[in-house]
N, C-alpha and C. Protein backbone atom coordinates (compact mmCIF):
# COMPACT_ATOMS: atom_id res chain seq x y z
N MET A 1 127.00 108.89 120.90
CA MET A 1 126.65 109.13 119.58
C MET A 1 127.79 108.44 118.57
N GLU A 2 127.27 107.80 117.66
CA GLU A 2 128.11 107.12 116.80
C GLU A 2 128.75 108.06 115.78
N LYS A 3 129.94 107.95 115.31
CA LYS A 3 130.63 108.86 114.47
C LYS A 3 130.26 108.39 113.05
N ILE A 4 130.07 109.31 112.05
CA ILE A 4 129.86 108.98 110.68
C ILE A 4 130.85 108.04 110.11
N GLY A 5 132.08 108.11 110.46
CA GLY A 5 133.02 107.26 109.80
C GLY A 5 132.84 105.82 110.25
N ASP A 6 132.33 105.72 111.48
CA ASP A 6 132.03 104.32 111.93
C ASP A 6 130.76 103.76 111.14
N ILE A 7 129.88 104.58 110.94
CA ILE A 7 128.76 104.23 110.17
C ILE A 7 129.04 103.79 108.78
N ILE A 8 129.79 104.53 108.11
CA ILE A 8 130.37 104.26 106.72
C ILE A 8 131.07 102.91 106.75
N ARG A 9 132.02 102.80 107.49
CA ARG A 9 132.80 101.51 107.59
C ARG A 9 131.94 100.38 107.78
N ARG A 10 130.86 100.55 108.67
CA ARG A 10 129.88 99.33 108.85
C ARG A 10 129.14 99.03 107.66
N VAL A 11 128.73 100.09 106.94
CA VAL A 11 127.86 99.91 105.75
C VAL A 11 128.82 99.30 104.69
N LEU A 12 130.02 99.77 104.56
CA LEU A 12 131.02 99.22 103.40
C LEU A 12 131.34 97.72 103.75
N LYS A 13 131.42 97.39 105.04
CA LYS A 13 131.71 96.04 105.29
C LYS A 13 130.64 95.03 104.82
N ASN A 14 129.46 95.50 104.60
CA ASN A 14 128.34 94.68 104.22
C ASN A 14 127.77 95.15 102.87
N PRO A 15 128.49 94.98 101.70
CA PRO A 15 127.99 95.58 100.59
C PRO A 15 126.85 94.86 99.97
N SER A 16 126.42 93.68 100.50
CA SER A 16 125.29 93.00 99.99
C SER A 16 123.97 93.40 100.67
N ALA A 17 124.02 94.41 101.53
CA ALA A 17 122.85 94.76 102.23
C ALA A 17 121.75 95.25 101.25
N ASP A 18 120.59 94.85 101.60
CA ASP A 18 119.52 95.17 100.65
C ASP A 18 118.96 96.57 101.05
N PHE A 19 119.33 97.61 100.21
CA PHE A 19 118.74 98.96 100.46
C PHE A 19 117.49 99.34 99.70
N SER A 20 117.02 98.29 99.03
CA SER A 20 115.80 98.54 98.26
C SER A 20 114.59 98.16 99.08
N ARG A 21 114.73 97.75 100.32
CA ARG A 21 113.59 97.36 101.09
C ARG A 21 112.64 98.45 101.36
N LYS A 22 111.47 98.13 101.72
CA LYS A 22 110.43 99.21 101.87
C LYS A 22 110.85 100.17 103.03
N GLU A 23 111.50 99.63 104.02
CA GLU A 23 111.97 100.50 105.20
C GLU A 23 112.79 101.62 104.78
N THR A 24 113.54 101.45 103.66
CA THR A 24 114.50 102.52 103.22
C THR A 24 113.72 103.37 102.07
N ALA A 25 112.59 103.09 101.64
CA ALA A 25 111.92 103.65 100.58
C ALA A 25 111.39 105.15 100.99
N ILE A 26 111.51 106.00 100.03
CA ILE A 26 110.97 107.37 100.29
C ILE A 26 109.70 107.57 99.51
N ILE A 27 108.64 107.80 100.29
CA ILE A 27 107.30 107.93 99.67
C ILE A 27 106.79 109.32 99.88
N ASP A 28 106.40 109.85 98.73
CA ASP A 28 105.80 111.26 98.76
C ASP A 28 104.36 111.10 99.17
N TRP A 29 104.16 111.12 100.58
CA TRP A 29 102.90 110.86 101.07
C TRP A 29 101.83 111.96 100.70
N GLU A 30 102.24 113.18 100.59
CA GLU A 30 101.42 114.29 100.12
C GLU A 30 100.85 114.04 98.83
N LYS A 31 101.75 113.64 97.83
CA LYS A 31 101.33 113.39 96.48
C LYS A 31 100.35 112.11 96.57
N LEU A 32 100.74 111.01 97.21
CA LEU A 32 99.86 109.89 97.25
C LEU A 32 98.59 110.12 97.84
N TRP A 33 98.46 110.87 98.85
CA TRP A 33 97.27 111.15 99.48
C TRP A 33 96.17 111.96 98.52
N SER A 34 96.93 112.96 97.82
CA SER A 34 95.97 113.73 96.84
C SER A 34 95.55 112.94 95.78
N GLU A 35 96.27 111.80 95.39
CA GLU A 35 95.76 110.93 94.35
C GLU A 35 94.73 110.01 94.84
N ILE A 36 94.73 109.64 96.04
CA ILE A 36 93.82 108.63 96.52
C ILE A 36 92.53 109.23 97.14
N CYS A 37 92.68 110.44 97.82
CA CYS A 37 91.41 110.91 98.58
C CYS A 37 90.36 111.38 97.72
N GLY A 38 90.53 111.63 96.47
CA GLY A 38 89.44 112.09 95.67
C GLY A 38 89.58 113.56 95.20
N ASP A 39 88.89 113.84 94.16
CA ASP A 39 89.10 115.23 93.53
C ASP A 39 88.63 116.35 94.48
N GLU A 40 87.52 116.21 95.18
CA GLU A 40 87.08 117.26 96.04
C GLU A 40 87.87 117.32 97.29
N ALA A 41 88.20 116.26 97.92
CA ALA A 41 88.88 116.18 99.16
C ALA A 41 90.30 116.70 99.13
N ARG A 42 90.93 116.57 98.00
CA ARG A 42 92.34 117.05 97.89
C ARG A 42 92.39 118.59 98.19
N HIS A 43 91.24 119.29 97.81
CA HIS A 43 91.32 120.75 97.90
C HIS A 43 91.17 121.14 99.38
N PHE A 44 90.77 120.21 100.29
CA PHE A 44 90.56 120.50 101.72
C PHE A 44 91.33 119.73 102.64
N SER A 45 92.30 118.91 102.22
CA SER A 45 93.18 118.14 103.05
C SER A 45 94.44 117.84 102.44
N HIS A 46 95.51 117.69 103.21
CA HIS A 46 96.88 117.18 102.68
C HIS A 46 97.57 116.41 103.83
N ALA A 47 98.33 115.59 103.42
CA ALA A 47 99.19 114.73 104.23
C ALA A 47 100.30 115.58 104.83
N VAL A 48 100.51 115.43 106.15
CA VAL A 48 101.59 116.30 106.69
C VAL A 48 102.81 115.48 107.29
N GLY A 49 102.53 114.03 107.49
CA GLY A 49 103.55 113.29 107.94
C GLY A 49 103.32 111.73 108.16
N TYR A 50 104.14 110.92 108.02
CA TYR A 50 103.93 109.53 108.27
C TYR A 50 105.05 108.97 109.22
N THR A 51 104.53 108.52 110.38
CA THR A 51 105.47 108.05 111.54
C THR A 51 104.82 106.81 112.10
N GLY A 52 105.75 105.79 112.17
CA GLY A 52 105.31 104.59 112.94
C GLY A 52 103.96 104.02 112.37
N GLY A 53 103.86 104.07 111.02
CA GLY A 53 102.56 103.60 110.48
C GLY A 53 101.44 104.44 110.43
N ILE A 54 101.47 105.45 111.02
CA ILE A 54 100.29 106.45 111.16
C ILE A 54 100.57 107.59 110.20
N LEU A 55 99.60 107.79 109.30
CA LEU A 55 99.66 108.94 108.45
C LEU A 55 98.83 110.14 108.97
N THR A 56 99.47 111.23 109.25
CA THR A 56 98.66 112.43 109.63
C THR A 56 98.28 113.28 108.58
N VAL A 57 97.04 113.59 108.59
CA VAL A 57 96.40 114.45 107.41
C VAL A 57 95.73 115.71 108.13
N SER A 58 96.04 116.87 107.47
CA SER A 58 95.52 118.10 107.98
C SER A 58 94.29 118.39 107.05
N VAL A 59 93.16 118.76 107.82
CA VAL A 59 91.89 119.02 107.08
C VAL A 59 91.49 120.38 107.42
N THR A 60 90.89 121.08 106.33
CA THR A 60 90.61 122.53 106.67
C THR A 60 89.39 122.84 107.44
N ASN A 61 88.42 121.91 107.45
CA ASN A 61 87.27 122.17 108.28
C ASN A 61 86.61 120.88 108.77
N SER A 62 85.78 121.03 109.73
CA SER A 62 85.14 119.92 110.42
C SER A 62 84.24 119.11 109.49
N CYS A 63 83.59 119.60 108.50
CA CYS A 63 82.81 118.89 107.61
C CYS A 63 83.58 117.91 106.91
N TRP A 64 84.76 118.39 106.39
CA TRP A 64 85.63 117.36 105.57
C TRP A 64 86.30 116.41 106.54
N LEU A 65 86.61 116.76 107.85
CA LEU A 65 87.12 115.81 108.84
C LEU A 65 86.23 114.68 109.00
N MET A 66 84.96 115.00 109.25
CA MET A 66 83.91 113.95 109.37
C MET A 66 83.66 113.07 108.12
N GLU A 67 83.81 113.67 107.02
CA GLU A 67 83.62 112.86 105.74
C GLU A 67 84.79 112.02 105.55
N LEU A 68 86.03 112.43 105.72
CA LEU A 68 87.18 111.59 105.59
C LEU A 68 87.28 110.56 106.64
N LYS A 69 86.73 110.79 107.82
CA LYS A 69 86.72 109.81 108.89
C LYS A 69 85.80 108.64 108.49
N LYS A 70 84.79 108.92 107.85
CA LYS A 70 83.74 107.91 107.31
C LYS A 70 84.52 107.00 106.29
N GLN A 71 85.43 107.58 105.50
CA GLN A 71 86.23 106.82 104.55
C GLN A 71 87.48 106.23 105.02
N LYS A 72 87.87 106.32 106.21
CA LYS A 72 89.06 105.92 106.71
C LYS A 72 89.56 104.56 106.33
N SER A 73 88.65 103.56 106.53
CA SER A 73 88.96 102.24 106.17
C SER A 73 89.36 102.06 104.75
N HIS A 74 88.56 102.63 103.88
CA HIS A 74 88.89 102.46 102.39
C HIS A 74 90.12 103.24 102.08
N LEU A 75 90.36 104.41 102.64
CA LEU A 75 91.61 105.19 102.35
C LEU A 75 92.86 104.40 102.89
N LYS A 76 92.69 103.84 104.01
CA LYS A 76 93.94 103.08 104.56
C LYS A 76 94.33 101.88 103.64
N LYS A 77 93.29 101.32 103.13
CA LYS A 77 93.45 100.10 102.23
C LYS A 77 94.29 100.58 100.92
N ALA A 78 93.68 101.72 100.45
CA ALA A 78 94.18 102.16 99.22
C ALA A 78 95.68 102.74 99.33
N LEU A 79 95.85 103.29 100.51
CA LEU A 79 97.26 103.82 100.81
C LEU A 79 98.24 102.67 100.86
N GLU A 80 97.78 101.66 101.59
CA GLU A 80 98.72 100.51 101.70
C GLU A 80 98.97 99.81 100.37
N GLN A 81 98.01 99.61 99.52
CA GLN A 81 98.23 98.96 98.27
C GLN A 81 99.08 99.80 97.40
N ARG A 82 98.88 101.14 97.33
CA ARG A 82 99.65 101.93 96.44
C ARG A 82 101.13 102.14 96.98
N SER A 83 101.30 102.22 98.25
CA SER A 83 102.67 102.55 98.81
C SER A 83 103.46 101.29 99.10
N GLY A 84 102.72 100.17 99.44
CA GLY A 84 103.50 98.95 99.85
C GLY A 84 103.94 98.99 101.35
N MET A 85 103.45 99.99 102.05
CA MET A 85 103.78 100.27 103.50
C MET A 85 102.51 100.00 104.28
N ALA A 86 102.72 99.67 105.55
CA ALA A 86 101.69 99.46 106.50
C ALA A 86 101.17 100.87 106.99
N VAL A 87 99.77 100.98 106.91
CA VAL A 87 99.22 102.27 107.36
C VAL A 87 98.27 101.71 108.45
N SER A 88 98.63 101.73 109.84
CA SER A 88 97.86 101.32 110.82
C SER A 88 96.72 102.25 111.28
N ASP A 89 96.94 103.60 110.90
CA ASP A 89 95.95 104.57 111.18
C ASP A 89 96.12 105.84 110.36
N ILE A 90 95.01 106.60 110.17
CA ILE A 90 95.11 107.93 109.58
C ILE A 90 94.59 108.92 110.64
N ARG A 91 95.32 109.80 111.04
CA ARG A 91 95.06 110.69 112.11
C ARG A 91 94.75 112.04 111.43
N PHE A 92 93.49 112.42 111.53
CA PHE A 92 92.99 113.73 110.94
C PHE A 92 93.20 114.92 112.03
N ILE A 93 93.79 115.93 111.65
CA ILE A 93 93.88 117.12 112.39
C ILE A 93 93.38 118.38 111.72
N ARG A 94 93.06 119.43 112.48
CA ARG A 94 92.60 120.64 111.86
C ARG A 94 93.55 121.69 112.16
């Protein structure tokens, strides 16, 4: 395991590092999801995590799960446009 002091020294050696890149961005996926999914769906679903390009969304019942699956392509595009991050999939869970 790398020591914190070594990490700090390495970062300080490269002060021109671009920490504004999207890889270092913090995105509030839950807020973004509630803005994009629609007025009704936001009451029955919420984002629970984003890992490796996959957004995981918890859905309260199977009816909303099926409805959101039908809209998956549109939702992925909207999430990518608003976040600037790649969304390779949306995984719906109950």
